[in-house]
Amino acid sequence: MLSANTKSPISHAVHRKTLTKKIRTSQTKIRETIAATGSTISKRIHARNCKAPTTLQETLSENTELMAEQIKAWRQLL
């Protein structure tokens, strides 16, 4: 049994044309929106998925300093 999304080879070209037209109009709208808002899209090689503004070494050194201060405080209490 064929699924509902299956197109016959005969009518495939018709569906492909309508889909191509729909994609073209959507991309045109996207490009117009980008041009209207003045958005700049950076290339993928420039994009970063970075959650921390500091490097790992900077974070580790800061944590080491904080732990040293906390140990000093504990020693004074005990």
PDB file of N, CA and C in Angstrom:
ATOM      1  N   MET A   1       0.845  -1.180   0.000  1.00  0.00           N
ATOM      2  CA  MET A   1       0.000   0.000   0.000  1.00  0.00           C
ATOM      3  C   MET A   1       0.889   1.242   0.000  1.00  0.00           C
ATOM      4  N   LEU A   2       0.571   2.217  -0.835  1.00  0.00           N
ATOM      5  CA  LEU A   2       1.341   3.439  -0.950  1.00  0.00           C
ATOM      6  C   LEU A   2       0.897   4.443   0.108  1.00  0.00           C
ATOM      7  N   SER A   3       1.896   5.223   0.586  1.00  0.00           N
ATOM      8  CA  SER A   3       1.550   6.246   1.570  1.00  0.00           C
ATOM      9  C   SER A   3       0.906   7.446   0.866  1.00  0.00           C
ATOM     10  N   ALA A   4       0.342   8.326   1.649  1.00  0.00           N
ATOM     11  CA  ALA A   4      -0.368   9.477   1.088  1.00  0.00           C
ATOM     12  C   ALA A   4       0.589  10.468   0.434  1.00  0.00           C
ATOM     13  N   ASN A   5       1.861  10.482   0.823  1.00  0.00           N
ATOM     14  CA  ASN A   5       2.819  11.438   0.288  1.00  0.00           C
ATOM     15  C   ASN A   5       3.449  10.992  -1.025  1.00  0.00           C
ATOM     16  N   THR A   6       3.205   9.788  -1.444  1.00  0.00           N
ATOM     17  CA  THR A   6       3.820   9.275  -2.659  1.00  0.00           C
ATOM     18  C   THR A   6       3.153   9.880  -3.886  1.00  0.00           C
ATOM     19  N   LYS A   7       3.962  10.416  -4.791  1.00  0.00           N
ATOM     20  CA  LYS A   7       3.459  11.014  -6.024  1.00  0.00           C
ATOM     21  C   LYS A   7       3.738  10.043  -7.177  1.00  0.00           C
ATOM     22  N   SER A   8       2.847   9.995  -8.101  1.00  0.00           N
ATOM     23  CA  SER A   8       3.072   9.134  -9.254  1.00  0.00           C
ATOM     24  C   SER A   8       4.132   9.771 -10.142  1.00  0.00           C
ATOM     25  N   PRO A   9       4.887   8.968 -10.869  1.00  0.00           N
ATOM     26  CA  PRO A   9       5.915   9.526 -11.751  1.00  0.00           C
ATOM     27  C   PRO A   9       5.350  10.485 -12.795  1.00  0.00           C
ATOM     28  N   ILE A  10       4.101  10.328 -13.137  1.00  0.00           N
ATOM     29  CA  ILE A  10       3.493  11.180 -14.148  1.00  0.00           C
ATOM     30  C   ILE A  10       3.230  12.579 -13.596  1.00  0.00           C
ATOM     31  N   SER A  11       2.725  12.658 -12.369  1.00  0.00           N
ATOM     32  CA  SER A  11       2.387  13.965 -11.804  1.00  0.00           C
ATOM     33  C   SER A  11       3.520  14.569 -10.973  1.00  0.00           C
ATOM     34  N   HIS A  12       4.639  13.869 -10.901  1.00  0.00           N
ATOM     35  CA  HIS A  12       5.762  14.355 -10.095  1.00  0.00           C
ATOM     36  C   HIS A  12       6.289  15.699 -10.594  1.00  0.00           C
ATOM     37  N   ALA A  13       6.383  15.873 -11.885  1.00  0.00           N
ATOM     38  CA  ALA A  13       6.902  17.116 -12.458  1.00  0.00           C
ATOM     39  C   ALA A  13       6.017  18.304 -12.084  1.00  0.00           C
ATOM     40  N   VAL A  14       4.727  18.096 -12.049  1.00  0.00           N
ATOM     41  CA  VAL A  14       3.799  19.176 -11.694  1.00  0.00           C
ATOM     42  C   VAL A  14       4.008  19.572 -10.234  1.00  0.00           C
ATOM     43  N   HIS A  15       4.111  18.590  -9.355  1.00  0.00           N
ATOM     44  CA  HIS A  15       4.314  18.873  -7.938  1.00  0.00           C
ATOM     45  C   HIS A  15       5.676  19.520  -7.695  1.00  0.00           C
ATOM     46  N   ARG A  16       6.670  19.077  -8.441  1.00  0.00           N
ATOM     47  CA  ARG A  16       8.009  19.647  -8.300  1.00  0.00           C
ATOM     48  C   ARG A  16       8.006  21.117  -8.699  1.00  0.00           C
ATOM     49  N   LYS A  17       7.289  21.473  -9.760  1.00  0.00           N
ATOM     50  CA  LYS A  17       7.211  22.874 -10.208  1.00  0.00           C
ATOM     51  C   LYS A  17       6.551  23.747  -9.144  1.00  0.00           C
ATOM     52  N   THR A  18       5.460  23.260  -8.559  1.00  0.00           N
ATOM     53  CA  THR A  18       4.788  24.058  -7.521  1.00  0.00           C
ATOM     54  C   THR A  18       5.671  24.198  -6.284  1.00  0.00           C
ATOM     55  N   LEU A  19       6.365  23.150  -5.937  1.00  0.00           N
ATOM     56  CA  LEU A  19       7.257  23.219  -4.783  1.00  0.00           C
ATOM     57  C   LEU A  19       8.419  24.165  -5.051  1.00  0.00           C
ATOM     58  N   THR A  20       8.982  24.116  -6.236  1.00  0.00           N
ATOM     59  CA  THR A  20      10.075  25.011  -6.604  1.00  0.00           C
ATOM     60  C   THR A  20       9.623  26.463  -6.552  1.00  0.00           C
ATOM     61  N   LYS A  21       8.420  26.734  -7.025  1.00  0.00           N
ATOM     62  CA  LYS A  21       7.878  28.096  -6.993  1.00  0.00           C
ATOM     63  C   LYS A  21       7.683  28.555  -5.547  1.00  0.00           C
ATOM     64  N   LYS A  22       7.187  27.682  -4.701  1.00  0.00           N
ATOM     65  CA  LYS A  22       6.971  28.012  -3.296  1.00  0.00           C
ATOM     66  C   LYS A  22       8.303  28.310  -2.595  1.00  0.00           C
ATOM     67  N   ILE A  23       9.312  27.508  -2.874  1.00  0.00           N
ATOM     68  CA  ILE A  23      10.643  27.730  -2.290  1.00  0.00           C
ATOM     69  C   ILE A  23      11.209  29.057  -2.779  1.00  0.00           C
ATOM     70  N   ARG A  24      11.083  29.334  -4.057  1.00  0.00           N
ATOM     71  CA  ARG A  24      11.614  30.572  -4.626  1.00  0.00           C
ATOM     72  C   ARG A  24      10.974  31.799  -3.977  1.00  0.00           C
ATOM     73  N   THR A  25       9.649  31.774  -3.802  1.00  0.00           N
ATOM     74  CA  THR A  25       8.976  32.923  -3.180  1.00  0.00           C
ATOM     75  C   THR A  25       9.372  33.074  -1.715  1.00  0.00           C
ATOM     76  N   SER A  26       9.531  31.966  -1.017  1.00  0.00           N
ATOM     77  CA  SER A  26       9.949  32.032   0.387  1.00  0.00           C
ATOM     78  C   SER A  26      11.348  32.610   0.514  1.00  0.00           C
ATOM     79  N   GLN A  27      12.269  32.169  -0.332  1.00  0.00           N
ATOM     80  CA  GLN A  27      13.631  32.687  -0.292  1.00  0.00           C
ATOM     81  C   GLN A  27      13.671  34.169  -0.657  1.00  0.00           C
ATOM     82  N   THR A  28      12.829  34.580  -1.588  1.00  0.00           N
ATOM     83  CA  THR A  28      12.765  35.992  -1.959  1.00  0.00           C
ATOM     84  C   THR A  28      12.300  36.835  -0.774  1.00  0.00           C
ATOM     85  N   LYS A  29      11.275  36.365  -0.056  1.00  0.00           N
ATOM     86  CA  LYS A  29      10.789  37.078   1.122  1.00  0.00           C
ATOM     87  C   LYS A  29      11.880  37.181   2.187  1.00  0.00           C
ATOM     88  N   ILE A  30      12.618  36.096   2.384  1.00  0.00           N
ATOM     89  CA  ILE A  30      13.704  36.102   3.371  1.00  0.00           C
ATOM     90  C   ILE A  30      14.766  37.111   2.983  1.00  0.00           C
ATOM     91  N   ARG A  31      15.166  37.112   1.708  1.00  0.00           N
ATOM     92  CA  ARG A  31      16.187  38.066   1.249  1.00  0.00           C
ATOM     93  C   ARG A  31      15.713  39.507   1.383  1.00  0.00           C
ATOM     94  N   GLU A  32      14.442  39.762   1.091  1.00  0.00           N
ATOM     95  CA  GLU A  32      13.902  41.113   1.236  1.00  0.00           C
ATOM     96  C   GLU A  32      13.895  41.550   2.702  1.00  0.00           C
ATOM     97  N   THR A  33      13.553  40.641   3.597  1.00  0.00           N
ATOM     98  CA  THR A  33      13.551  40.960   5.022  1.00  0.00           C
ATOM     99  C   THR A  33      14.962  41.267   5.505  1.00  0.00           C
ATOM    100  N   ILE A  34      15.923  40.485   5.058  1.00  0.00           N
ATOM    101  CA  ILE A  34      17.318  40.715   5.438  1.00  0.00           C
ATOM    102  C   ILE A  34      17.789  42.064   4.924  1.00  0.00           C
ATOM    103  N   ALA A  35      17.451  42.391   3.689  1.00  0.00           N
ATOM    104  CA  ALA A  35      17.852  43.674   3.112  1.00  0.00           C
ATOM    105  C   ALA A  35      17.155  44.840   3.819  1.00  0.00           C
ATOM    106  N   ALA A  36      15.894  44.661   4.179  1.00  0.00           N
ATOM    107  CA  ALA A  36      15.133  45.748   4.818  1.00  0.00           C
ATOM    108  C   ALA A  36      15.643  46.031   6.232  1.00  0.00           C
ATOM    109  N   THR A  37      16.022  44.998   6.951  1.00  0.00           N
ATOM    110  CA  THR A  37      16.483  45.187   8.331  1.00  0.00           C
ATOM    111  C   THR A  37      17.969  45.467   8.405  1.00  0.00           C
ATOM    112  N   GLY A  38      18.674  45.305   7.301  1.00  0.00           N
ATOM    113  CA  GLY A  38      20.122  45.550   7.302  1.00  0.00           C
ATOM    114  C   GLY A  38      20.891  44.490   8.066  1.00  0.00           C
ATOM    115  N   SER A  39      20.357  43.298   8.122  1.00  0.00           N
ATOM    116  CA  SER A  39      21.009  42.217   8.849  1.00  0.00           C
ATOM    117  C   SER A  39      22.249  41.750   8.107  1.00  0.00           C
ATOM    118  N   THR A  40      23.244  41.372   8.878  1.00  0.00           N
ATOM    119  CA  THR A  40      24.434  40.785   8.276  1.00  0.00           C
ATOM    120  C   THR A  40      24.545  39.348   8.758  1.00  0.00           C
ATOM    121  N   ILE A  41      24.767  38.480   7.839  1.00  0.00           N
ATOM    122  CA  ILE A  41      24.898  37.068   8.164  1.00  0.00           C
ATOM    123  C   ILE A  41      26.364  36.699   8.004  1.00  0.00           C
ATOM    124  N   SER A  42      26.970  36.281   9.107  1.00  0.00           N
ATOM    125  CA  SER A  42      28.377  35.915   9.040  1.00  0.00           C
ATOM    126  C   SER A  42      28.506  34.524   8.442  1.00  0.00           C
ATOM    127  N   LYS A  43      29.634  34.294   7.825  1.00  0.00           N
ATOM    128  CA  LYS A  43      29.878  32.981   7.267  1.00  0.00           C
ATOM    129  C   LYS A  43      30.038  31.985   8.402  1.00  0.00           C
ATOM    130  N   ARG A  44      29.787  30.741   8.117  1.00  0.00           N
ATOM    131  CA  ARG A  44      29.804  29.710   9.158  1.00  0.00           C
ATOM    132  C   ARG A  44      31.175  29.587   9.800  1.00  0.00           C
ATOM    133  N   ILE A  45      32.248  29.873   9.068  1.00  0.00           N
ATOM    134  CA  ILE A  45      33.578  29.729   9.653  1.00  0.00           C
ATOM    135  C   ILE A  45      33.845  30.809  10.692  1.00  0.00           C
ATOM    136  N   HIS A  46      33.068  31.905  10.663  1.00  0.00           N
ATOM    137  CA  HIS A  46      33.239  32.971  11.635  1.00  0.00           C
ATOM    138  C   HIS A  46      32.367  32.782  12.871  1.00  0.00           C
ATOM    139  N   ALA A  47      31.397  31.886  12.785  1.00  0.00           N
ATOM    140  CA  ALA A  47      30.480  31.681  13.899  1.00  0.00           C
ATOM    141  C   ALA A  47      31.158  30.861  14.997  1.00  0.00           C
ATOM    142  N   ARG A  48      30.805  31.182  16.237  1.00  0.00           N
ATOM    143  CA  ARG A  48      31.353  30.453  17.383  1.00  0.00           C
ATOM    144  C   ARG A  48      30.217  30.033  18.291  1.00  0.00           C
ATOM    145  N   ASN A  49      30.338  28.867  18.824  1.00  0.00           N
ATOM    146  CA  ASN A  49      29.387  28.410  19.820  1.00  0.00           C
ATOM    147  C   ASN A  49      30.109  28.464  21.162  1.00  0.00           C
ATOM    148  N   CYS A  50      30.248  29.658  21.678  1.00  0.00           N
ATOM    149  CA  CYS A  50      31.029  29.875  22.880  1.00  0.00           C
ATOM    150  C   CYS A  50      30.109  30.364  23.984  1.00  0.00           C
ATOM    151  N   LYS A  51      30.143  29.673  25.119  1.00  0.00           N
ATOM    152  CA  LYS A  51      29.273  30.061  26.217  1.00  0.00           C
ATOM    153  C   LYS A  51      30.001  30.899  27.249  1.00  0.00           C
ATOM    154  N   ALA A  52      31.306  30.860  27.270  1.00  0.00           N
ATOM    155  CA  ALA A  52      32.077  31.598  28.262  1.00  0.00           C
ATOM    156  C   ALA A  52      32.925  32.662  27.578  1.00  0.00           C
ATOM    157  N   PRO A  53      32.967  33.877  28.142  1.00  0.00           N
ATOM    158  CA  PRO A  53      33.776  34.928  27.527  1.00  0.00           C
ATOM    159  C   PRO A  53      35.272  34.770  27.804  1.00  0.00           C
ATOM    160  N   THR A  54      35.640  33.898  28.729  1.00  0.00           N
ATOM    161  CA  THR A  54      37.046  33.699  29.076  1.00  0.00           C
ATOM    162  C   THR A  54      37.528  32.345  28.585  1.00  0.00           C
ATOM    163  N   THR A  55      38.843  32.197  28.557  1.00  0.00           N
ATOM    164  CA  THR A  55      39.404  30.915  28.150  1.00  0.00           C
ATOM    165  C   THR A  55      39.402  29.956  29.336  1.00  0.00           C
ATOM    166  N   LEU A  56      39.690  28.729  29.062  1.00  0.00           N
ATOM    167  CA  LEU A  56      39.714  27.711  30.107  1.00  0.00           C
ATOM    168  C   LEU A  56      40.814  28.002  31.121  1.00  0.00           C
ATOM    169  N   GLN A  57      41.975  28.421  30.664  1.00  0.00           N
ATOM    170  CA  GLN A  57      43.088  28.717  31.571  1.00  0.00           C
ATOM    171  C   GLN A  57      42.750  29.873  32.504  1.00  0.00           C
ATOM    172  N   GLU A  58      42.093  30.911  31.982  1.00  0.00           N
ATOM    173  CA  GLU A  58      41.701  32.047  32.823  1.00  0.00           C
ATOM    174  C   GLU A  58      40.700  31.614  33.882  1.00  0.00           C
ATOM    175  N   THR A  59      39.749  30.796  33.492  1.00  0.00           N
ATOM    176  CA  THR A  59      38.744  30.318  34.436  1.00  0.00           C
ATOM    177  C   THR A  59      39.375  29.464  35.521  1.00  0.00           C
ATOM    178  N   LEU A  60      40.289  28.583  35.129  1.00  0.00           N
ATOM    179  CA  LEU A  60      40.958  27.730  36.114  1.00  0.00           C
ATOM    180  C   LEU A  60      41.792  28.548  37.092  1.00  0.00           C
ATOM    181  N   SER A  61      42.489  29.554  36.604  1.00  0.00           N
ATOM    182  CA  SER A  61      43.301  30.381  37.500  1.00  0.00           C
ATOM    183  C   SER A  61      42.414  31.177  38.459  1.00  0.00           C
ATOM    184  N   GLU A  62      41.280  31.681  37.972  1.00  0.00           N
ATOM    185  CA  GLU A  62      40.351  32.393  38.853  1.00  0.00           C
ATOM    186  C   GLU A  62      39.787  31.463  39.919  1.00  0.00           C
ATOM    187  N   ASN A  63      39.419  30.249  39.525  1.00  0.00           N
ATOM    188  CA  ASN A  63      38.888  29.287  40.483  1.00  0.00           C
ATOM    189  C   ASN A  63      39.933  28.895  41.514  1.00  0.00           C
ATOM    190  N   THR A  64      41.181  28.766  41.094  1.00  0.00           N
ATOM    191  CA  THR A  64      42.258  28.422  42.020  1.00  0.00           C
ATOM    192  C   THR A  64      42.450  29.530  43.054  1.00  0.00           C
ATOM    193  N   GLU A  65      42.405  30.768  42.593  1.00  0.00           N
ATOM    194  CA  GLU A  65      42.532  31.898  43.515  1.00  0.00           C
ATOM    195  C   GLU A  65      41.373  31.932  44.505  1.00  0.00           C
ATOM    196  N   LEU A  66      40.166  31.700  44.032  1.00  0.00           N
ATOM    197  CA  LEU A  66      39.001  31.701  44.916  1.00  0.00           C
ATOM    198  C   LEU A  66      39.078  30.581  45.950  1.00  0.00           C
ATOM    199  N   MET A  67      39.508  29.411  45.528  1.00  0.00           N
ATOM    200  CA  MET A  67      39.626  28.276  46.462  1.00  0.00           C
ATOM    201  C   MET A  67      40.694  28.560  47.512  1.00  0.00           C
ATOM    202  N   ALA A  68      41.795  29.181  47.108  1.00  0.00           N
ATOM    203  CA  ALA A  68      42.853  29.517  48.063  1.00  0.00           C
ATOM    204  C   ALA A  68      42.329  30.496  49.115  1.00  0.00           C
ATOM    205  N   GLU A  69      41.549  31.472  48.680  1.00  0.00           N
ATOM    206  CA  GLU A  69      40.966  32.442  49.621  1.00  0.00           C
ATOM    207  C   GLU A  69      39.990  31.749  50.569  1.00  0.00           C
ATOM    208  N   GLN A  70      39.208  30.822  50.042  1.00  0.00           N
ATOM    209  CA  GLN A  70      38.235  30.134  50.886  1.00  0.00           C
ATOM    210  C   GLN A  70      38.933  29.236  51.898  1.00  0.00           C
ATOM    211  N   ILE A  71      40.001  28.587  51.499  1.00  0.00           N
ATOM    212  CA  ILE A  71      40.762  27.741  52.436  1.00  0.00           C
ATOM    213  C   ILE A  71      41.346  28.591  53.550  1.00  0.00           C
ATOM    214  N   LYS A  72      41.846  29.772  53.215  1.00  0.00           N
ATOM    215  CA  LYS A  72      42.375  30.686  54.241  1.00  0.00           C
ATOM    216  C   LYS A  72      41.289  31.074  55.232  1.00  0.00           C
ATOM    217  N   ALA A  73      40.089  31.372  54.729  1.00  0.00           N
ATOM    218  CA  ALA A  73      38.979  31.733  55.599  1.00  0.00           C
ATOM    219  C   ALA A  73      38.584  30.581  56.512  1.00  0.00           C
ATOM    220  N   TRP A  74      38.565  29.351  55.992  1.00  0.00           N
ATOM    221  CA  TRP A  74      38.239  28.187  56.806  1.00  0.00           C
ATOM    222  C   TRP A  74      39.275  27.972  57.893  1.00  0.00           C
ATOM    223  N   ARG A  75      40.522  28.155  57.541  1.00  0.00           N
ATOM    224  CA  ARG A  75      41.591  27.970  58.529  1.00  0.00           C
ATOM    225  C   ARG A  75      41.478  28.988  59.664  1.00  0.00           C
ATOM    226  N   GLN A  76      41.081  30.194  59.340  1.00  0.00           N
ATOM    227  CA  GLN A  76      40.927  31.218  60.374  1.00  0.00           C
ATOM    228  C   GLN A  76      39.760  30.884  61.306  1.00  0.00           C
ATOM    229  N   LEU A  77      38.695  30.284  60.737  1.00  0.00           N
ATOM    230  CA  LEU A  77      37.537  29.904  61.563  1.00  0.00           C
ATOM    231  C   LEU A  77      37.859  28.721  62.455  1.00  0.00           C
ATOM    232  N   LEU A  78      38.664  27.806  61.976  1.00  0.00           N
ATOM    233  CA  LEU A  78      38.980  26.596  62.760  1.00  0.00           C
ATOM    234  C   LEU A  78      40.149  26.888  63.604  1.00  0.00           C
TER     235      LEU A  78
END
